[in-house]
Amino acid sequence: MEGLRSESGYILLKSLPKSERTYEICYETIKSCKMELKNVPYKYRTIELIKTMKHYNGVIKFIPFELKSYVICFDAIKP
């Protein structure tokens, strides 16, 4: 997977075939780069995965509606 890593060291999910994107790979990637959430399969977008991010600004549109809480939405709009 070395060829699939960015300069920052996280895995570029868009470079992985969808069949190889496991929950574990997605989880580790999101810990390093929250913007990769857009490439996480919808079935893996769980509250546990979402909580690994410290801030939600910029990725709120990729969080499933049913997981958007007041706290997540508020954090997404604060400066």
PDB file of N, CA and C in Angstrom:
ATOM      1  N   MET A   1       0.794  -1.196   0.000  1.00  0.00           N
ATOM      2  CA  MET A   1       0.000   0.000   0.000  1.00  0.00           C
ATOM      3  C   MET A   1       0.843   1.270   0.000  1.00  0.00           C
ATOM      4  N   GLU A   2       2.127   1.133  -0.056  1.00  0.00           N
ATOM      5  CA  GLU A   2       2.991   2.313  -0.041  1.00  0.00           C
ATOM      6  C   GLU A   2       2.687   3.254  -1.201  1.00  0.00           C
ATOM      7  N   GLY A   3       2.387   2.725  -2.367  1.00  0.00           N
ATOM      8  CA  GLY A   3       2.079   3.567  -3.520  1.00  0.00           C
ATOM      9  C   GLY A   3       0.747   4.276  -3.406  1.00  0.00           C
ATOM     10  N   LEU A   4      -0.064   3.884  -2.425  1.00  0.00           N
ATOM     11  CA  LEU A   4      -1.377   4.476  -2.252  1.00  0.00           C
ATOM     12  C   LEU A   4      -1.394   5.532  -1.164  1.00  0.00           C
ATOM     13  N   ARG A   5      -0.237   5.876  -0.651  1.00  0.00           N
ATOM     14  CA  ARG A   5      -0.168   6.849   0.446  1.00  0.00           C
ATOM     15  C   ARG A   5       0.143   8.247  -0.089  1.00  0.00           C
ATOM     16  N   SER A   6      -0.412   9.236   0.602  1.00  0.00           N
ATOM     17  CA  SER A   6      -0.141  10.628   0.251  1.00  0.00           C
ATOM     18  C   SER A   6       1.215  11.031   0.823  1.00  0.00           C
ATOM     19  N   GLU A   7       1.607  12.257   0.556  1.00  0.00           N
ATOM     20  CA  GLU A   7       2.851  12.770   1.129  1.00  0.00           C
ATOM     21  C   GLU A   7       2.765  12.834   2.649  1.00  0.00           C
ATOM     22  N   SER A   8       1.547  12.990   3.173  1.00  0.00           N
ATOM     23  CA  SER A   8       1.342  13.054   4.625  1.00  0.00           C
ATOM     24  C   SER A   8       1.327  11.681   5.268  1.00  0.00           C
ATOM     25  N   GLY A   9       1.278  10.624   4.454  1.00  0.00           N
ATOM     26  CA  GLY A   9       1.345   9.275   4.991  1.00  0.00           C
ATOM     27  C   GLY A   9       0.029   8.537   5.094  1.00  0.00           C
ATOM     28  N   TYR A  10      -1.095   9.210   4.872  1.00  0.00           N
ATOM     29  CA  TYR A  10      -2.370   8.495   4.968  1.00  0.00           C
ATOM     30  C   TYR A  10      -2.702   7.830   3.629  1.00  0.00           C
ATOM     31  N   ILE A  11      -3.524   6.811   3.701  1.00  0.00           N
ATOM     32  CA  ILE A  11      -3.911   6.056   2.510  1.00  0.00           C
ATOM     33  C   ILE A  11      -4.907   6.866   1.697  1.00  0.00           C
ATOM     34  N   LEU A  12      -4.696   6.940   0.408  1.00  0.00           N
ATOM     35  CA  LEU A  12      -5.633   7.604  -0.488  1.00  0.00           C
ATOM     36  C   LEU A  12      -6.704   6.594  -0.870  1.00  0.00           C
ATOM     37  N   LEU A  13      -7.861   6.705  -0.242  1.00  0.00           N
ATOM     38  CA  LEU A  13      -8.915   5.725  -0.466  1.00  0.00           C
ATOM     39  C   LEU A  13      -9.360   5.672  -1.922  1.00  0.00           C
ATOM     40  N   LYS A  14      -9.338   6.813  -2.600  1.00  0.00           N
ATOM     41  CA  LYS A  14      -9.779   6.809  -3.999  1.00  0.00           C
ATOM     42  C   LYS A  14      -8.853   5.970  -4.882  1.00  0.00           C
ATOM     43  N   SER A  15      -7.643   5.705  -4.414  1.00  0.00           N
ATOM     44  CA  SER A  15      -6.702   4.878  -5.169  1.00  0.00           C
ATOM     45  C   SER A  15      -6.940   3.386  -4.953  1.00  0.00           C
ATOM     46  N   LEU A  16      -7.700   3.055  -3.907  1.00  0.00           N
ATOM     47  CA  LEU A  16      -8.006   1.659  -3.622  1.00  0.00           C
ATOM     48  C   LEU A  16      -9.286   1.248  -4.333  1.00  0.00           C
ATOM     49  N   PRO A  17      -9.324   0.062  -4.917  1.00  0.00           N
ATOM     50  CA  PRO A  17     -10.591  -0.409  -5.472  1.00  0.00           C
ATOM     51  C   PRO A  17     -11.630  -0.484  -4.356  1.00  0.00           C
ATOM     52  N   LYS A  18     -12.879  -0.194  -4.676  1.00  0.00           N
ATOM     53  CA  LYS A  18     -13.933  -0.181  -3.660  1.00  0.00           C
ATOM     54  C   LYS A  18     -14.024  -1.507  -2.923  1.00  0.00           C
ATOM     55  N   SER A  19     -13.717  -2.592  -3.585  1.00  0.00           N
ATOM     56  CA  SER A  19     -13.796  -3.911  -2.943  1.00  0.00           C
ATOM     57  C   SER A  19     -12.711  -4.107  -1.878  1.00  0.00           C
ATOM     58  N   GLU A  20     -11.664  -3.300  -1.903  1.00  0.00           N
ATOM     59  CA  GLU A  20     -10.571  -3.422  -0.942  1.00  0.00           C
ATOM     60  C   GLU A  20     -10.640  -2.397   0.187  1.00  0.00           C
ATOM     61  N   ARG A  21     -11.647  -1.544   0.171  1.00  0.00           N
ATOM     62  CA  ARG A  21     -11.798  -0.532   1.221  1.00  0.00           C
ATOM     63  C   ARG A  21     -12.509  -1.170   2.413  1.00  0.00           C
ATOM     64  N   THR A  22     -11.731  -1.594   3.375  1.00  0.00           N
ATOM     65  CA  THR A  22     -12.306  -2.219   4.569  1.00  0.00           C
ATOM     66  C   THR A  22     -12.570  -1.148   5.619  1.00  0.00           C
ATOM     67  N   TYR A  23     -13.357  -1.513   6.612  1.00  0.00           N
ATOM     68  CA  TYR A  23     -13.641  -0.575   7.698  1.00  0.00           C
ATOM     69  C   TYR A  23     -12.349  -0.163   8.393  1.00  0.00           C
ATOM     70  N   GLU A  24     -11.463  -1.113   8.622  1.00  0.00           N
ATOM     71  CA  GLU A  24     -10.213  -0.827   9.324  1.00  0.00           C
ATOM     72  C   GLU A  24      -9.350   0.169   8.552  1.00  0.00           C
ATOM     73  N   ILE A  25      -9.244  -0.012   7.249  1.00  0.00           N
ATOM     74  CA  ILE A  25      -8.458   0.910   6.425  1.00  0.00           C
ATOM     75  C   ILE A  25      -9.100   2.293   6.449  1.00  0.00           C
ATOM     76  N   CYS A  26     -10.407   2.350   6.311  1.00  0.00           N
ATOM     77  CA  CYS A  26     -11.112   3.627   6.339  1.00  0.00           C
ATOM     78  C   CYS A  26     -10.934   4.323   7.684  1.00  0.00           C
ATOM     79  N   TYR A  27     -11.030   3.581   8.757  1.00  0.00           N
ATOM     80  CA  TYR A  27     -10.884   4.120  10.109  1.00  0.00           C
ATOM     81  C   TYR A  27      -9.506   4.749  10.285  1.00  0.00           C
ATOM     82  N   GLU A  28      -8.471   4.027   9.909  1.00  0.00           N
ATOM     83  CA  GLU A  28      -7.103   4.545  10.057  1.00  0.00           C
ATOM     84  C   GLU A  28      -6.874   5.769   9.172  1.00  0.00           C
ATOM     85  N   THR A  29      -7.448   5.767   7.993  1.00  0.00           N
ATOM     86  CA  THR A  29      -7.287   6.896   7.081  1.00  0.00           C
ATOM     87  C   THR A  29      -7.979   8.137   7.622  1.00  0.00           C
ATOM     88  N   ILE A  30      -9.188   7.982   8.128  1.00  0.00           N
ATOM     89  CA  ILE A  30      -9.949   9.112   8.655  1.00  0.00           C
ATOM     90  C   ILE A  30      -9.265   9.735   9.860  1.00  0.00           C
ATOM     91  N   LYS A  31      -8.562   8.940  10.650  1.00  0.00           N
ATOM     92  CA  LYS A  31      -7.823   9.483  11.793  1.00  0.00           C
ATOM     93  C   LYS A  31      -6.755  10.464  11.322  1.00  0.00           C
ATOM     94  N   SER A  32      -6.205  10.234  10.141  1.00  0.00           N
ATOM     95  CA  SER A  32      -5.141  11.092   9.613  1.00  0.00           C
ATOM     96  C   SER A  32      -5.661  12.220   8.731  1.00  0.00           C
ATOM     97  N   CYS A  33      -6.727  11.932   7.991  1.00  0.00           N
ATOM     98  CA  CYS A  33      -7.230  12.933   7.045  1.00  0.00           C
ATOM     99  C   CYS A  33      -8.744  12.837   6.926  1.00  0.00           C
ATOM    100  N   LYS A  34      -9.438  13.742   7.600  1.00  0.00           N
ATOM    101  CA  LYS A  34     -10.897  13.693   7.607  1.00  0.00           C
ATOM    102  C   LYS A  34     -11.504  13.918   6.231  1.00  0.00           C
ATOM    103  N   MET A  35     -10.808  14.590   5.345  1.00  0.00           N
ATOM    104  CA  MET A  35     -11.357  14.854   4.009  1.00  0.00           C
ATOM    105  C   MET A  35     -11.509  13.579   3.187  1.00  0.00           C
ATOM    106  N   GLU A  36     -10.853  12.513   3.595  1.00  0.00           N
ATOM    107  CA  GLU A  36     -11.002  11.237   2.900  1.00  0.00           C
ATOM    108  C   GLU A  36     -12.365  10.598   3.171  1.00  0.00           C
ATOM    109  N   LEU A  37     -13.158  11.197   4.069  1.00  0.00           N
ATOM    110  CA  LEU A  37     -14.492  10.673   4.355  1.00  0.00           C
ATOM    111  C   LEU A  37     -15.326  10.565   3.084  1.00  0.00           C
ATOM    112  N   LYS A  38     -15.081  11.461   2.138  1.00  0.00           N
ATOM    113  CA  LYS A  38     -15.849  11.429   0.884  1.00  0.00           C
ATOM    114  C   LYS A  38     -15.598  10.146   0.098  1.00  0.00           C
ATOM    115  N   ASN A  39     -14.502   9.463   0.365  1.00  0.00           N
ATOM    116  CA  ASN A  39     -14.180   8.223  -0.345  1.00  0.00           C
ATOM    117  C   ASN A  39     -14.466   6.963   0.473  1.00  0.00           C
ATOM    118  N   VAL A  40     -15.012   7.148   1.669  1.00  0.00           N
ATOM    119  CA  VAL A  40     -15.380   6.011   2.519  1.00  0.00           C
ATOM    120  C   VAL A  40     -16.730   5.473   2.043  1.00  0.00           C
ATOM    121  N   PRO A  41     -16.845   4.172   1.818  1.00  0.00           N
ATOM    122  CA  PRO A  41     -18.145   3.615   1.436  1.00  0.00           C
ATOM    123  C   PRO A  41     -19.210   3.977   2.473  1.00  0.00           C
ATOM    124  N   TYR A  42     -20.403   4.260   1.995  1.00  0.00           N
ATOM    125  CA  TYR A  42     -21.490   4.709   2.867  1.00  0.00           C
ATOM    126  C   TYR A  42     -21.738   3.737   4.020  1.00  0.00           C
ATOM    127  N   LYS A  43     -21.614   2.450   3.762  1.00  0.00           N
ATOM    128  CA  LYS A  43     -21.884   1.453   4.808  1.00  0.00           C
ATOM    129  C   LYS A  43     -20.899   1.534   5.970  1.00  0.00           C
ATOM    130  N   TYR A  44     -19.732   2.151   5.760  1.00  0.00           N
ATOM    131  CA  TYR A  44     -18.736   2.290   6.819  1.00  0.00           C
ATOM    132  C   TYR A  44     -18.818   3.632   7.548  1.00  0.00           C
ATOM    133  N   ARG A  45     -19.676   4.512   7.103  1.00  0.00           N
ATOM    134  CA  ARG A  45     -19.807   5.825   7.749  1.00  0.00           C
ATOM    135  C   ARG A  45     -20.665   5.679   8.999  1.00  0.00           C
ATOM    136  N   THR A  46     -20.048   5.201  10.059  1.00  0.00           N
ATOM    137  CA  THR A  46     -20.736   4.950  11.324  1.00  0.00           C
ATOM    138  C   THR A  46     -20.406   6.060  12.309  1.00  0.00           C
ATOM    139  N   ILE A  47     -21.136   6.096  13.395  1.00  0.00           N
ATOM    140  CA  ILE A  47     -20.869   7.110  14.421  1.00  0.00           C
ATOM    141  C   ILE A  47     -19.481   6.919  15.020  1.00  0.00           C
ATOM    142  N   GLU A  48     -19.018   5.678  15.141  1.00  0.00           N
ATOM    143  CA  GLU A  48     -17.678   5.427  15.660  1.00  0.00           C
ATOM    144  C   GLU A  48     -16.617   6.009  14.730  1.00  0.00           C
ATOM    145  N   LEU A  49     -16.826   5.849  13.438  1.00  0.00           N
ATOM    146  CA  LEU A  49     -15.887   6.400  12.457  1.00  0.00           C
ATOM    147  C   LEU A  49     -15.929   7.925  12.487  1.00  0.00           C
ATOM    148  N   ILE A  50     -17.117   8.482  12.540  1.00  0.00           N
ATOM    149  CA  ILE A  50     -17.275   9.936  12.546  1.00  0.00           C
ATOM    150  C   ILE A  50     -16.612  10.548  13.778  1.00  0.00           C
ATOM    151  N   LYS A  51     -16.714   9.890  14.902  1.00  0.00           N
ATOM    152  CA  LYS A  51     -16.144  10.421  16.149  1.00  0.00           C
ATOM    153  C   LYS A  51     -14.622  10.435  16.159  1.00  0.00           C
ATOM    154  N   THR A  52     -13.969   9.747  15.230  1.00  0.00           N
ATOM    155  CA  THR A  52     -12.506   9.778  15.184  1.00  0.00           C
ATOM    156  C   THR A  52     -11.996  11.144  14.729  1.00  0.00           C
ATOM    157  N   MET A  53     -12.860  11.898  14.053  1.00  0.00           N
ATOM    158  CA  MET A  53     -12.476  13.231  13.595  1.00  0.00           C
ATOM    159  C   MET A  53     -12.639  14.212  14.741  1.00  0.00           C
ATOM    160  N   LYS A  54     -11.726  15.136  14.852  1.00  0.00           N
ATOM    161  CA  LYS A  54     -11.808  16.121  15.927  1.00  0.00           C
ATOM    162  C   LYS A  54     -12.742  17.269  15.563  1.00  0.00           C
ATOM    163  N   HIS A  55     -12.828  17.597  14.298  1.00  0.00           N
ATOM    164  CA  HIS A  55     -13.681  18.692  13.826  1.00  0.00           C
ATOM    165  C   HIS A  55     -14.406  18.228  12.571  1.00  0.00           C
ATOM    166  N   TYR A  56     -15.594  18.774  12.358  1.00  0.00           N
ATOM    167  CA  TYR A  56     -16.433  18.312  11.264  1.00  0.00           C
ATOM    168  C   TYR A  56     -16.588  19.331  10.142  1.00  0.00           C
ATOM    169  N   ASN A  57     -15.952  20.503  10.293  1.00  0.00           N
ATOM    170  CA  ASN A  57     -16.069  21.485   9.225  1.00  0.00           C
ATOM    171  C   ASN A  57     -15.422  20.944   7.953  1.00  0.00           C
ATOM    172  N   GLY A  58     -16.094  21.166   6.847  1.00  0.00           N
ATOM    173  CA  GLY A  58     -15.593  20.691   5.564  1.00  0.00           C
ATOM    174  C   GLY A  58     -16.063  19.305   5.183  1.00  0.00           C
ATOM    175  N   VAL A  59     -16.491  18.508   6.152  1.00  0.00           N
ATOM    176  CA  VAL A  59     -16.920  17.140   5.846  1.00  0.00           C
ATOM    177  C   VAL A  59     -18.375  16.873   6.217  1.00  0.00           C
ATOM    178  N   ILE A  60     -19.069  17.885   6.718  1.00  0.00           N
ATOM    179  CA  ILE A  60     -20.443  17.685   7.169  1.00  0.00           C
ATOM    180  C   ILE A  60     -21.320  17.108   6.053  1.00  0.00           C
ATOM    181  N   LYS A  61     -21.060  17.486   4.816  1.00  0.00           N
ATOM    182  CA  LYS A  61     -21.879  16.987   3.706  1.00  0.00           C
ATOM    183  C   LYS A  61     -21.666  15.498   3.438  1.00  0.00           C
ATOM    184  N   PHE A  62     -20.606  14.924   3.955  1.00  0.00           N
ATOM    185  CA  PHE A  62     -20.328  13.503   3.754  1.00  0.00           C
ATOM    186  C   PHE A  62     -20.799  12.632   4.922  1.00  0.00           C
ATOM    187  N   ILE A  63     -21.313  13.274   5.968  1.00  0.00           N
ATOM    188  CA  ILE A  63     -21.824  12.535   7.132  1.00  0.00           C
ATOM    189  C   ILE A  63     -23.285  12.194   6.868  1.00  0.00           C
ATOM    190  N   PRO A  64     -23.657  10.932   7.013  1.00  0.00           N
ATOM    191  CA  PRO A  64     -25.057  10.550   6.788  1.00  0.00           C
ATOM    192  C   PRO A  64     -26.006  11.360   7.676  1.00  0.00           C
ATOM    193  N   PHE A  65     -27.149  11.734   7.108  1.00  0.00           N
ATOM    194  CA  PHE A  65     -28.125  12.566   7.799  1.00  0.00           C
ATOM    195  C   PHE A  65     -28.477  12.011   9.177  1.00  0.00           C
ATOM    196  N   GLU A  66     -28.693  10.708   9.261  1.00  0.00           N
ATOM    197  CA  GLU A  66     -29.120  10.109  10.518  1.00  0.00           C
ATOM    198  C   GLU A  66     -28.053  10.161  11.608  1.00  0.00           C
ATOM    199  N   LEU A  67     -26.817  10.495  11.252  1.00  0.00           N
ATOM    200  CA  LEU A  67     -25.731  10.592  12.239  1.00  0.00           C
ATOM    201  C   LEU A  67     -25.425  12.035  12.640  1.00  0.00           C
ATOM    202  N   LYS A  68     -26.054  12.979  11.965  1.00  0.00           N
ATOM    203  CA  LYS A  68     -25.791  14.389  12.263  1.00  0.00           C
ATOM    204  C   LYS A  68     -26.536  14.797  13.530  1.00  0.00           C
ATOM    205  N   SER A  69     -25.773  15.028  14.566  1.00  0.00           N
ATOM    206  CA  SER A  69     -26.344  15.474  15.839  1.00  0.00           C
ATOM    207  C   SER A  69     -26.148  16.985  15.943  1.00  0.00           C
ATOM    208  N   TYR A  70     -26.738  17.561  16.975  1.00  0.00           N
ATOM    209  CA  TYR A  70     -26.561  18.991  17.235  1.00  0.00           C
ATOM    210  C   TYR A  70     -25.072  19.319  17.403  1.00  0.00           C
ATOM    211  N   VAL A  71     -24.369  18.488  18.151  1.00  0.00           N
ATOM    212  CA  VAL A  71     -22.950  18.738  18.421  1.00  0.00           C
ATOM    213  C   VAL A  71     -22.130  18.719  17.128  1.00  0.00           C
ATOM    214  N   ILE A  72     -22.386  17.728  16.289  1.00  0.00           N
ATOM    215  CA  ILE A  72     -21.652  17.621  15.022  1.00  0.00           C
ATOM    216  C   ILE A  72     -21.955  18.826  14.136  1.00  0.00           C
ATOM    217  N   CYS A  73     -23.216  19.189  14.013  1.00  0.00           N
ATOM    218  CA  CYS A  73     -23.589  20.329  13.164  1.00  0.00           C
ATOM    219  C   CYS A  73     -23.027  21.635  13.712  1.00  0.00           C
ATOM    220  N   PHE A  74     -23.091  21.834  15.017  1.00  0.00           N
ATOM    221  CA  PHE A  74     -22.549  23.045  15.627  1.00  0.00           C
ATOM    222  C   PHE A  74     -21.051  23.142  15.403  1.00  0.00           C
ATOM    223  N   ASP A  75     -20.349  22.038  15.604  1.00  0.00           N
ATOM    224  CA  ASP A  75     -18.902  22.031  15.400  1.00  0.00           C
ATOM    225  C   ASP A  75     -18.553  22.326  13.941  1.00  0.00           C
ATOM    226  N   ALA A  76     -19.375  21.893  13.019  1.00  0.00           N
ATOM    227  CA  ALA A  76     -19.099  22.086  11.594  1.00  0.00           C
ATOM    228  C   ALA A  76     -19.172  23.553  11.179  1.00  0.00           C
ATOM    229  N   ILE A  77     -19.925  24.381  11.916  1.00  0.00           N
ATOM    230  CA  ILE A  77     -20.068  25.774  11.506  1.00  0.00           C
ATOM    231  C   ILE A  77     -19.249  26.754  12.333  1.00  0.00           C
ATOM    232  N   LYS A  78     -18.693  26.297  13.436  1.00  0.00           N
ATOM    233  CA  LYS A  78     -17.911  27.235  14.248  1.00  0.00           C
ATOM    234  C   LYS A  78     -16.561  27.511  13.591  1.00  0.00           C
ATOM    235  N   PRO A  79     -16.073  28.728  13.768  1.00  0.00           N
ATOM    236  CA  PRO A  79     -14.798  29.099  13.103  1.00  0.00           C
ATOM    237  C   PRO A  79     -13.599  28.398  13.673  1.00  0.00           C
TER     238      PRO A  79
END
